[in-house]
Amino acid sequence: MMFRPSGVEQQCNNFALKSIRAFFHDYMSSAIDGSLLSEMAVEMNVGLCRFSQYVNVLSDDTTCDPGSIIAMAGMLGFQACGVRLWELDQDVKPVTTIARGYTCAHNNNPKFINPATGQRFPQFDDIFVASNSTAMEEFWYLINGHNGMTFRPPDGEVEYSGEASGAAHVIGRVTCPITSKVDGVTVNVRTGFFHPNGANAVLKQPRGNAHEVMWNAEYFARDTQCQFNPKTNGWQVPPFKGLKNETYPKLGYSLNKKMTNFASEGGLCGMPTQFLHTVQLGGYHRIPRFMSILDNLGHNWPDSQGSPFTPAQCKIHTPMFIPWELLNLTSKPLPSSPALDRFVAIAWDGIGTVDSLWDGCSLECSNPIATNRLCSAQSASTIAPRLTKFNFYDTMDAPTPVPTVASSATPLTAPTAVPTPTSTTGSPSTTPTSSPSKPPTPSPTASTTVSPTVSRSSFRPSRKPTASSTVRPSTRPTSTPTFQPTIKTKKPSTKPTKEPNAKPTSKPTFKPSKK
């Protein structure tokens, strides 16, 4: 789905970008527990419908819970797009936990998602968070502490979170135009990639150690992250209203027509209480540490003993080191069904675009979650897969107009010192904005259908295949995947030690601005 066969040039496809975005978004609601599949009505999740349908079908076929699938896919998505997750830190090699349990329902944090509206509280609007340093630190204080963890001010693990989010945005994109208001000023975010080289920004770099590659790929995001503050003689304030400038004459940069103007990491500049105050992108050891934090400390998974499918599938949470598993992957049979084969057929659709079959701007998402055999009252091992004939094309034949609904959210626990934006018209997420999914029309067989609640441009031309395109490729790889990790015999530690020097070991090919 995201790795080219050996001998074929690797590309960062839209499925990999979706995987990264889903990883962050499932975590933001409460934990990476698969509840994202039931949270498609939340506007920050716009564009994840097709991915959530795929995860639901794969989960039904394999009896692997959706949370485990999303956790694994997020890590592999980074790897597929050139962010060599297991090479960026010598002390921390992320491990993912499988058999997480699954409740087949949403699991929204009531301090983040307003129970009355089903949407984020206004102070967590993406554009507002990107333009306001107080809002940014309060966002991460809440998200990283919402399970009773100790990630509180003035730390909050903001430096790890911001770095990982920044890495996701270097290869990510905005797929729906956004209009919002910050301090009474209308802000328009256009679609496009964050980096001049698009999703392959990291893969296009010359081979080198993982730090050098990231340093050279992230120059644009790093040098345009903060604005100059004359009071401190430093680049320590967020860009104006969360937008990048169109040109940077002193740096020699300019945005091209395929780039978004959204300054997603701007709020990390000049934070008032976080101990670093400004988290400048470039500490790449923080990326695997954030992934490890989420797996080891940031979980609030359903008790596997109480999940609907416990009798045969899920007794204890099981840690798994993905690079070791990949060494023998080609010897394992891959799941296949008519439903899964349809997703495999579009895995590489629309690379380098913002309107592939994985994309769209509607909040309607027909996804038969209750049909998944993990959600059956019976033990999943005693019944056959029930989604083998699911056809996502049936959910997207006709574009569905999306009505405008004004947000009237009143924060239950508003962060201190954070002004409320005047409007919260939909925005891309501060976490991977790899994109919004096709506007589906509800399937008559779907058991879970959510309704749109925010204004979005919903039209996407139908791309349903004709009779000439019905041949489905095999899901079994014909050769060894391109990602072949080198594994040392010493078992990696998941416990972070002191912060290593974030600078690359050798001089990068790109010389960043000293300002």
Protein backbone atom coordinates (compact mmCIF):
# COMPACT_ATOMS: atom_id res chain seq x y z
CA MET A 1 0.00 0.00 0.00
CA MET A 2 2.88 2.43 0.61
CA PHE A 3 6.20 0.74 -0.32
CA ARG A 4 7.41 0.23 -3.88
CA PRO A 5 8.97 -3.14 -4.82
CA SER A 6 12.75 -3.41 -4.76
CA GLY A 7 14.28 -1.71 -7.79
CA VAL A 8 11.41 0.74 -8.21
CA GLU A 9 11.87 4.33 -7.04
CA GLN A 10 10.11 4.89 -3.73
CA GLN A 11 7.47 7.63 -3.61
CA CYS A 12 5.45 9.14 -0.79
CA ASN A 13 1.87 8.29 -1.75
CA ASN A 14 -1.39 9.69 -0.43
CA PHE A 15 -2.17 6.53 1.53
CA ALA A 16 1.06 7.01 3.52
CA LEU A 17 0.14 10.65 4.17
CA LYS A 18 -3.30 9.58 5.36
CA SER A 19 -1.72 7.02 7.66
CA ILE A 20 0.41 9.67 9.35
CA ARG A 21 -2.50 12.06 9.70
CA ALA A 22 -4.77 9.38 11.16
CA PHE A 23 -2.08 8.50 13.70
CA PHE A 24 -2.10 12.05 15.07
CA HIS A 25 -5.85 12.55 14.86
CA ASP A 26 -6.81 9.36 16.66
CA TYR A 27 -4.41 10.40 19.43
CA MET A 28 -5.86 13.91 19.65
CA SER A 29 -9.36 12.71 20.52
CA SER A 30 -8.13 10.60 23.45
CA ALA A 31 -5.81 7.78 22.37
CA ILE A 32 -4.78 5.74 19.35
CA ASP A 33 -7.59 3.28 19.97
CA GLY A 34 -9.39 3.11 16.63
CA SER A 35 -12.18 5.40 17.82
CA LEU A 36 -11.25 7.68 14.90
CA LEU A 37 -13.43 5.48 12.68
CA SER A 38 -16.47 6.73 14.61
CA GLU A 39 -15.31 10.36 14.72
CA MET A 40 -15.63 11.35 11.06
CA ALA A 41 -18.23 14.01 11.92
CA VAL A 42 -15.56 16.06 13.72
CA GLU A 43 -14.42 18.70 11.21
CA MET A 44 -10.73 18.29 12.01
CA ASN A 45 -11.00 14.73 10.60
CA VAL A 46 -12.28 15.84 7.20
CA GLY A 47 -10.52 13.84 4.52
CA LEU A 48 -9.94 10.65 6.49
CA CYS A 49 -13.11 8.87 5.34
CA ARG A 50 -11.51 6.65 2.70
CA PHE A 51 -8.70 5.72 5.06
CA SER A 52 -11.15 4.91 7.86
CA GLN A 53 -13.15 2.71 5.48
CA TYR A 54 -9.98 0.83 4.57
CA VAL A 55 -9.02 0.30 8.22
CA ASN A 56 -12.52 -0.96 9.00
CA VAL A 57 -12.42 -3.51 6.15
CA LEU A 58 -8.88 -4.64 7.02
CA SER A 59 -9.79 -4.98 10.69
CA ASP A 60 -12.83 -7.08 9.84
CA ASP A 61 -10.75 -9.32 7.58
CA THR A 62 -7.82 -9.87 9.97
CA THR A 63 -9.46 -9.33 13.42
CA CYS A 64 -6.66 -6.88 14.16
CA ASP A 65 -8.17 -3.97 16.08
CA PRO A 66 -8.26 -0.58 14.26
CA GLY A 67 -6.12 1.14 16.92
CA SER A 68 -3.26 -1.28 16.29
CA ILE A 69 -3.59 -0.84 12.53
CA ILE A 70 -3.52 2.97 12.81
CA ALA A 71 -0.51 2.87 15.15
CA MET A 72 1.49 0.65 12.81
CA ALA A 73 0.42 2.54 9.68
CA GLY A 74 1.48 5.91 11.15
CA MET A 75 5.01 4.71 11.82
CA LEU A 76 5.30 3.01 8.44
CA GLY A 77 3.92 6.13 6.74
CA PHE A 78 6.83 8.19 8.05
CA GLN A 79 9.28 5.52 6.87
CA ALA A 80 7.68 5.29 3.43
CA CYS A 81 7.98 9.06 2.96
CA GLY A 82 11.67 9.17 3.88
CA VAL A 83 11.52 10.04 7.58
CA ARG A 84 13.71 7.20 8.84
CA LEU A 85 12.02 6.85 12.18
CA TRP A 86 14.28 4.15 13.61
CA GLU A 87 17.53 5.92 12.65
CA LEU A 88 16.91 9.41 14.04
CA ASP A 89 17.79 8.68 17.67
CA GLN A 90 20.43 6.34 19.04
CA ASP A 91 18.65 5.93 22.37
CA VAL A 92 14.99 5.51 21.39
CA LYS A 93 13.67 3.06 18.83
CA PRO A 94 9.85 3.26 18.86
CA VAL A 95 7.90 0.12 19.62
CA THR A 96 4.19 -0.17 18.88
CA THR A 97 1.68 -2.11 20.94
CA ILE A 98 -0.89 -4.33 19.27
CA ALA A 99 -4.06 -5.97 20.63
CA ARG A 100 -5.33 -2.69 22.06
CA GLY A 101 -8.99 -3.56 22.35
CA TYR A 102 -11.79 -1.83 20.46
CA THR A 103 -15.12 -0.40 21.63
CA CYS A 104 -16.58 0.25 18.14
CA ALA A 105 -17.53 3.78 19.25
CA HIS A 106 -16.16 7.32 19.47
CA ASN A 107 -13.95 8.33 22.40
CA ASN A 108 -13.71 12.13 22.38
CA ASN A 109 -11.98 14.04 25.15
CA PRO A 110 -14.68 16.42 26.53
CA LYS A 111 -12.04 19.07 27.27
CA PHE A 112 -11.03 19.12 23.62
CA ILE A 113 -14.26 18.23 21.79
CA ASN A 114 -17.32 20.13 22.99
CA PRO A 115 -19.98 17.51 23.84
CA ALA A 116 -22.72 20.00 22.93
CA THR A 117 -21.51 20.60 19.36
CA GLY A 118 -19.36 17.57 18.62
CA GLN A 119 -16.60 19.92 17.43
CA ARG A 120 -13.39 21.31 18.88
CA PHE A 121 -13.59 24.23 21.25
CA PRO A 122 -12.83 27.49 19.39
CA GLN A 123 -9.47 28.06 21.09
CA PHE A 124 -8.18 24.88 19.42
CA ASP A 125 -9.02 25.97 15.87
CA ASP A 126 -5.98 25.15 13.73
CA ILE A 127 -5.41 28.61 12.31
CA PHE A 128 -5.76 30.16 15.73
CA VAL A 129 -3.31 27.70 17.29
CA ALA A 130 -0.83 28.37 14.46
CA SER A 131 -1.07 32.13 14.98
CA ASN A 132 -1.07 32.31 18.78
CA SER A 133 1.79 30.95 20.89
CA THR A 134 -0.33 30.77 24.05
CA ALA A 135 -2.96 28.75 22.23
CA MET A 136 -0.28 26.42 20.85
CA GLU A 137 1.22 25.57 24.22
CA GLU A 138 -2.23 25.18 25.79
CA PHE A 139 -3.19 22.84 22.93
CA TRP A 140 -0.28 20.51 23.60
CA TYR A 141 -0.60 20.78 27.40
CA LEU A 142 -4.13 19.45 27.01
CA ILE A 143 -3.53 16.85 24.30
CA ASN A 144 -0.46 15.39 25.98
CA GLY A 145 -2.03 15.45 29.42
CA HIS A 146 -5.58 14.40 28.68
CA ASN A 147 -5.13 10.90 30.06
CA GLY A 148 -3.97 12.06 33.48
CA MET A 149 -0.31 11.97 32.47
CA THR A 150 2.33 14.29 33.92
CA PHE A 151 2.97 16.25 30.73
CA ARG A 152 1.93 19.55 32.23
CA PRO A 153 3.30 23.11 32.14
CA PRO A 154 5.97 24.25 31.74
CA ASP A 155 7.00 21.13 29.81
CA GLY A 156 4.07 19.33 28.21
CA GLU A 157 6.45 17.47 25.87
CA VAL A 158 5.71 20.31 23.46
CA GLU A 159 9.15 20.10 21.86
CA TYR A 160 8.63 16.43 20.95
CA SER A 161 5.07 16.95 19.76
CA GLY A 162 5.89 20.04 17.70
CA GLU A 163 8.87 18.38 16.02
CA ALA A 164 6.88 15.29 15.03
CA SER A 165 3.99 17.42 13.77
CA GLY A 166 6.45 19.57 11.83
CA ALA A 167 7.99 16.51 10.18
CA ALA A 168 4.54 15.35 9.13
CA HIS A 169 3.83 18.74 7.61
CA VAL A 170 7.09 18.85 5.66
CA ILE A 171 5.72 16.02 3.52
CA GLY A 172 2.04 16.90 4.04
CA ARG A 173 -0.56 19.02 2.30
CA VAL A 174 -3.79 20.97 2.71
CA THR A 175 -6.51 19.63 0.42
CA CYS A 176 -9.46 21.96 1.07
CA PRO A 177 -9.38 25.79 1.06
CA ILE A 178 -9.93 27.22 4.55
CA THR A 179 -11.51 30.50 5.60
CA SER A 180 -11.46 31.60 9.22
CA LYS A 181 -11.17 34.76 11.30
CA VAL A 182 -8.50 35.58 13.84
CA ASP A 183 -8.89 38.75 15.89
CA GLY A 184 -11.51 39.99 13.43
CA VAL A 185 -9.26 39.52 10.39
CA THR A 186 -10.34 37.10 7.66
CA VAL A 187 -7.70 34.46 7.02
CA ASN A 188 -7.68 32.39 3.83
CA VAL A 189 -5.62 29.23 3.64
CA ARG A 190 -5.18 27.76 0.18
CA THR A 191 -4.65 24.17 -0.76
CA GLY A 192 -1.28 22.70 -1.64
CA PHE A 193 1.84 21.11 -0.22
CA PHE A 194 3.84 22.62 2.62
CA HIS A 195 7.19 22.06 0.91
CA PRO A 196 8.37 23.23 -2.55
CA ASN A 197 9.20 19.59 -3.39
CA GLY A 198 5.83 18.27 -2.25
CA ALA A 199 5.34 14.91 -0.57
CA ASN A 200 8.70 13.63 -1.83
CA ALA A 201 10.60 16.46 -0.12
CA VAL A 202 12.56 14.04 2.05
CA LEU A 203 12.89 11.23 -0.49
CA LYS A 204 14.42 13.63 -3.04
CA GLN A 205 17.35 14.45 -0.79
CA PRO A 206 20.75 12.85 -1.49
CA ARG A 207 21.36 9.77 0.59
CA GLY A 208 23.08 10.42 3.90
CA ASN A 209 22.50 9.80 7.56
CA ALA A 210 18.94 10.32 8.72
CA HIS A 211 19.68 13.66 10.43
CA GLU A 212 21.40 15.18 7.40
CA VAL A 213 18.57 14.15 5.11
CA MET A 214 15.95 15.69 7.38
CA TRP A 215 18.01 18.87 7.92
CA ASN A 216 18.32 19.43 4.19
CA ALA A 217 14.66 18.62 3.52
CA GLU A 218 13.20 20.79 6.26
CA TYR A 219 15.04 24.01 5.45
CA PHE A 220 11.95 25.81 4.17
CA ALA A 221 9.75 24.94 7.15
CA ARG A 222 12.52 25.78 9.61
CA ASP A 223 13.53 29.11 8.11
CA THR A 224 9.96 30.36 7.61
CA GLN A 225 8.54 29.09 10.91
CA CYS A 226 8.85 32.24 13.04
CA GLN A 227 8.81 35.98 12.40
CA PHE A 228 11.45 38.46 13.51
CA ASN A 229 10.75 40.07 16.88
CA PRO A 230 12.55 43.47 17.10
CA LYS A 231 12.10 43.54 20.89
CA THR A 232 14.25 40.43 21.36
CA ASN A 233 16.24 40.64 18.10
CA GLY A 234 15.13 37.11 17.26
CA TRP A 235 12.64 35.13 15.17
CA GLN A 236 10.36 34.40 18.08
CA VAL A 237 6.79 35.35 17.17
CA PRO A 238 4.23 33.40 15.09
CA PRO A 239 3.70 34.44 11.46
CA PHE A 240 0.92 36.96 10.96
CA LYS A 241 -2.49 35.30 11.45
CA GLY A 242 -0.99 31.85 10.91
CA LEU A 243 0.02 32.50 7.29
CA LYS A 244 3.41 32.38 5.60
CA ASN A 245 4.60 35.29 3.49
CA GLU A 246 4.41 34.82 -0.25
CA THR A 247 8.07 35.78 -0.59
CA TYR A 248 11.08 35.94 1.72
CA PRO A 249 13.51 38.25 -0.14
CA LYS A 250 16.31 38.06 2.43
CA LEU A 251 16.17 34.26 2.41
CA GLY A 252 15.60 33.90 -1.32
CA TYR A 253 12.39 31.89 -0.84
CA SER A 254 8.97 32.22 -2.37
CA LEU A 255 5.81 30.12 -2.36
CA ASN A 256 4.92 28.46 -5.65
CA LYS A 257 1.36 27.91 -6.90
CA LYS A 258 1.30 24.32 -5.63
CA MET A 259 2.10 25.33 -2.05
CA THR A 260 -0.21 26.16 0.81
CA ASN A 261 0.37 29.37 2.76
CA PHE A 262 -0.54 27.81 6.12
CA ALA A 263 2.15 28.32 8.79
CA SER A 264 1.20 25.23 10.81
CA GLU A 265 4.09 25.36 13.32
CA GLY A 266 4.05 29.13 13.83
CA GLY A 267 2.51 28.90 17.30
CA LEU A 268 5.66 27.16 18.56
CA CYS A 269 7.43 30.53 18.39
CA GLY A 270 7.62 32.61 21.57
CA MET A 271 5.45 30.49 23.88
CA PRO A 272 4.99 32.34 27.19
CA THR A 273 5.26 29.49 29.73
CA GLN A 274 6.79 26.45 27.97
CA PHE A 275 10.36 26.13 29.23
CA LEU A 276 11.97 26.41 25.76
CA HIS A 277 9.63 29.27 24.74
CA THR A 278 10.47 28.68 21.05
CA VAL A 279 10.67 25.17 19.62
CA GLN A 280 12.64 25.65 16.43
CA LEU A 281 12.31 22.72 14.05
CA GLY A 282 15.52 20.74 13.62
CA GLY A 283 15.78 18.43 16.66
CA TYR A 284 14.94 15.27 14.74
CA HIS A 285 15.72 12.88 17.59
CA ARG A 286 12.47 14.21 19.05
CA ILE A 287 10.35 12.55 16.34
CA PRO A 288 10.91 8.91 17.40
CA ARG A 289 10.70 10.01 21.02
CA PHE A 290 7.25 11.44 20.46
CA MET A 291 6.16 8.21 18.77
CA SER A 292 7.53 6.26 21.71
CA ILE A 293 5.81 8.55 24.23
CA LEU A 294 2.48 7.92 22.54
CA ASP A 295 2.91 4.17 22.70
CA ASN A 296 4.36 3.83 26.18
CA LEU A 297 2.75 6.67 28.10
CA GLY A 298 0.07 8.29 25.99
CA HIS A 299 -2.48 5.51 25.80
CA ASN A 300 -5.94 5.16 27.19
CA TRP A 301 -6.88 2.04 25.28
CA PRO A 302 -10.03 0.09 25.98
CA ASP A 303 -9.43 -2.75 28.41
CA SER A 304 -8.80 -5.66 26.08
CA GLN A 305 -10.51 -7.96 28.56
CA GLY A 306 -13.70 -5.94 28.16
CA SER A 307 -13.68 -5.52 24.39
CA PRO A 308 -16.44 -7.13 22.34
CA PHE A 309 -13.95 -9.53 20.74
CA THR A 310 -11.98 -10.59 23.81
CA PRO A 311 -12.85 -14.27 24.05
CA ALA A 312 -10.37 -15.40 21.41
CA GLN A 313 -8.48 -12.38 20.12
CA CYS A 314 -7.20 -10.17 22.86
CA LYS A 315 -5.78 -11.22 26.21
CA ILE A 316 -2.81 -8.91 26.77
CA HIS A 317 -1.31 -5.89 25.03
CA THR A 318 1.67 -7.04 22.96
CA PRO A 319 4.68 -4.83 22.08
CA MET A 320 6.03 -5.14 18.55
CA PHE A 321 9.20 -3.72 16.97
CA ILE A 322 8.18 -3.12 13.36
CA PRO A 323 11.65 -3.30 11.67
CA TRP A 324 12.16 -6.82 13.02
CA GLU A 325 8.73 -7.87 11.77
CA LEU A 326 9.43 -6.48 8.29
CA LEU A 327 12.43 -8.75 7.84
CA ASN A 328 10.11 -11.72 7.31
CA LEU A 329 7.13 -9.89 5.85
CA THR A 330 7.45 -11.30 2.32
CA SER A 331 7.10 -14.84 3.66
CA LYS A 332 3.67 -14.07 5.11
CA PRO A 333 0.44 -14.37 3.11
CA LEU A 334 -1.34 -11.06 2.65
CA PRO A 335 -5.07 -10.69 3.27
CA SER A 336 -7.15 -10.39 0.13
CA SER A 337 -10.82 -9.91 -0.64
CA PRO A 338 -12.83 -8.00 -3.26
CA ALA A 339 -13.16 -5.11 -0.79
CA LEU A 340 -9.47 -4.97 0.09
CA ASP A 341 -8.42 -5.34 -3.55
CA ARG A 342 -10.34 -2.19 -4.43
CA PHE A 343 -8.26 -0.22 -1.94
CA VAL A 344 -5.03 -1.79 -3.18
CA ALA A 345 -5.96 -0.73 -6.72
CA ILE A 346 -6.02 2.97 -5.69
CA ALA A 347 -3.05 2.90 -3.31
CA TRP A 348 -0.89 4.95 -5.68
CA ASP A 349 -3.62 7.15 -7.10
CA GLY A 350 -2.96 10.86 -7.54
CA ILE A 351 0.59 11.08 -6.18
CA GLY A 352 1.60 14.74 -5.94
CA THR A 353 -1.99 16.02 -6.05
CA VAL A 354 -4.59 17.18 -3.54
CA ASP A 355 -7.58 15.52 -5.19
CA SER A 356 -6.85 11.81 -5.39
CA LEU A 357 -9.33 9.04 -4.61
CA TRP A 358 -8.14 9.32 -1.01
CA ASP A 359 -9.19 12.98 -0.88
CA GLY A 360 -12.31 15.10 -0.69
CA CYS A 361 -13.94 17.81 1.40
CA SER A 362 -17.15 16.33 2.73
CA LEU A 363 -17.83 15.33 6.32
CA GLU A 364 -20.26 12.64 5.24
CA CYS A 365 -18.72 9.21 5.64
CA SER A 366 -20.61 5.96 5.20
CA ASN A 367 -18.63 3.33 7.06
CA PRO A 368 -20.39 0.16 8.31
CA ILE A 369 -18.57 -0.07 11.63
CA ALA A 370 -21.21 -2.21 13.32
CA THR A 371 -20.81 -4.78 10.54
CA ASN A 372 -17.16 -5.34 11.47
CA ARG A 373 -17.06 -8.77 13.11
CA LEU A 374 -15.04 -7.33 15.99
CA CYS A 375 -18.20 -5.45 16.90
CA SER A 376 -20.33 -8.57 16.96
CA ALA A 377 -21.71 -10.04 20.17
CA GLN A 378 -20.11 -13.32 19.08
CA SER A 379 -16.42 -14.11 19.26
CA ALA A 380 -14.84 -12.79 16.07
CA SER A 381 -12.96 -16.06 15.56
CA THR A 382 -16.23 -17.97 15.21
CA ILE A 383 -17.66 -15.93 12.32
CA ALA A 384 -16.40 -15.13 8.83
CA PRO A 385 -15.38 -11.62 7.71
CA ARG A 386 -18.50 -9.60 6.95
CA LEU A 387 -17.11 -6.70 4.87
CA THR A 388 -15.52 -8.63 2.01
CA LYS A 389 -17.96 -7.13 -0.51
CA PHE A 390 -17.83 -3.54 0.75
CA ASN A 391 -17.40 -1.14 -2.17
CA PHE A 392 -16.32 2.39 -1.29
CA TYR A 393 -17.26 3.54 -4.80
CA ASP A 394 -20.90 3.06 -3.82
CA THR A 395 -20.47 5.74 -1.14
CA MET A 396 -19.08 8.44 -3.44
CA ASP A 397 -21.10 8.42 -6.69
CA ALA A 398 -22.72 11.81 -6.18
CA PRO A 399 -21.27 14.93 -4.57
CA THR A 400 -23.27 16.04 -1.55
CA PRO A 401 -23.73 19.76 -0.78
CA VAL A 402 -22.59 20.65 2.71
CA PRO A 403 -24.65 23.28 4.57
CA THR A 404 -22.99 26.05 6.52
CA VAL A 405 -23.44 25.74 10.26
CA ALA A 406 -22.07 28.51 12.47
CA SER A 407 -20.09 27.35 15.47
CA SER A 408 -21.43 28.48 18.82
CA ALA A 409 -19.08 26.46 20.97
CA THR A 410 -18.57 27.77 24.48
CA PRO A 411 -15.45 26.33 26.13
CA LEU A 412 -16.09 24.21 29.20
CA THR A 413 -12.54 24.60 30.40
CA ALA A 414 -10.98 27.38 28.37
CA PRO A 415 -7.19 27.72 28.74
CA THR A 416 -6.13 30.84 30.55
CA ALA A 417 -4.86 33.82 28.57
CA VAL A 418 -6.11 32.44 25.27
CA PRO A 419 -8.49 34.80 23.43
CA THR A 420 -11.32 33.18 21.53
CA PRO A 421 -11.23 33.49 17.72
CA THR A 422 -14.24 35.16 16.19
CA SER A 423 -14.96 32.24 13.91
CA THR A 424 -14.06 28.61 13.61
CA THR A 425 -14.93 27.85 10.05
CA GLY A 426 -13.23 24.56 9.17
CA SER A 427 -9.47 24.32 9.01
CA PRO A 428 -6.78 21.78 8.32
CA SER A 429 -5.44 20.09 11.40
CA THR A 430 -2.32 21.24 13.22
CA THR A 431 -1.32 17.66 12.88
CA PRO A 432 -0.77 16.01 9.53
CA THR A 433 -3.02 17.69 7.00
CA SER A 434 -2.36 15.08 4.40
CA SER A 435 -5.88 15.56 3.23
CA PRO A 436 -9.63 15.30 3.10
CA SER A 437 -11.59 12.39 1.58
CA LYS A 438 -14.06 12.03 -1.32
CA PRO A 439 -17.58 13.33 -0.64
CA PRO A 440 -19.48 10.08 -0.21
CA THR A 441 -23.18 9.48 -0.53
CA PRO A 442 -24.43 7.26 2.28
CA SER A 443 -24.58 3.59 1.37
CA PRO A 444 -27.90 1.88 2.07
CA THR A 445 -26.04 -0.88 3.86
CA ALA A 446 -23.94 1.37 6.02
CA SER A 447 -24.66 1.17 9.71
CA THR A 448 -22.77 4.27 10.68
CA THR A 449 -23.43 7.50 8.78
CA VAL A 450 -22.31 10.87 10.02
CA SER A 451 -23.60 14.23 8.87
CA PRO A 452 -21.66 17.34 7.86
CA THR A 453 -21.55 20.19 10.33
CA VAL A 454 -19.14 22.71 8.84
CA SER A 455 -18.88 24.62 5.59
CA ARG A 456 -16.67 22.86 3.03
CA SER A 457 -16.41 22.74 -0.72
CA SER A 458 -17.78 19.26 -1.31
CA PHE A 459 -17.52 18.79 -5.07
CA ARG A 460 -15.05 16.27 -6.42
CA PRO A 461 -15.52 14.76 -9.89
CA SER A 462 -16.58 11.12 -9.84
CA ARG A 463 -13.73 8.74 -10.45
CA LYS A 464 -15.68 5.53 -10.41
CA PRO A 465 -13.93 3.09 -12.76
CA THR A 466 -15.46 1.97 -16.03
CA ALA A 467 -15.57 -1.60 -17.25
CA SER A 468 -12.09 -1.20 -18.68
CA SER A 469 -10.56 -0.58 -15.28
CA THR A 470 -12.02 -3.42 -13.25
CA VAL A 471 -8.91 -5.58 -13.21
CA ARG A 472 -7.58 -5.70 -9.68
CA PRO A 473 -3.88 -6.16 -9.03
CA SER A 474 -2.64 -8.83 -6.67
CA THR A 475 -2.08 -7.75 -3.10
CA ARG A 476 0.94 -10.00 -2.79
CA PRO A 477 4.29 -8.23 -3.41
CA THR A 478 6.23 -9.54 -6.38
CA SER A 479 9.60 -8.69 -4.87
CA THR A 480 11.18 -7.54 -1.67
CA PRO A 481 9.88 -4.18 -0.36
CA THR A 482 12.30 -1.26 -0.64
CA PHE A 483 12.46 -0.75 3.11
CA GLN A 484 14.96 -3.27 4.49
CA PRO A 485 16.07 -2.05 7.93
CA THR A 486 19.42 -2.86 9.40
CA ILE A 487 18.84 -4.39 12.80
CA LYS A 488 21.46 -4.47 15.51
CA THR A 489 21.45 -7.37 17.92
CA LYS A 490 21.16 -5.15 20.97
CA LYS A 491 17.51 -4.73 21.94
CA PRO A 492 16.55 -1.06 21.63
CA SER A 493 15.46 0.96 24.59
CA THR A 494 12.23 2.93 24.49
CA LYS A 495 13.13 5.09 27.44
CA PRO A 496 14.53 8.50 26.42
CA THR A 497 17.80 9.58 27.96
CA LYS A 498 19.12 13.12 27.88
CA GLU A 499 18.57 15.27 24.82
CA PRO A 500 21.32 14.64 22.24
CA ASN A 501 22.68 17.39 20.05
CA ALA A 502 20.18 17.92 17.27
CA LYS A 503 22.79 19.13 14.76
CA PRO A 504 23.77 16.75 11.98
CA THR A 505 27.11 14.99 12.29
CA SER A 506 28.38 16.47 9.04
CA LYS A 507 27.80 19.73 7.24
CA PRO A 508 24.45 19.81 5.41
CA THR A 509 24.26 20.71 1.76
CA PHE A 510 21.87 23.55 2.59
CA LYS A 511 23.07 26.43 4.76
CA PRO A 512 20.18 27.74 6.85
CA SER A 513 19.72 31.42 7.61
CA LYS A 514 21.43 32.63 10.76
CA LYS A 515 18.51 34.85 11.66
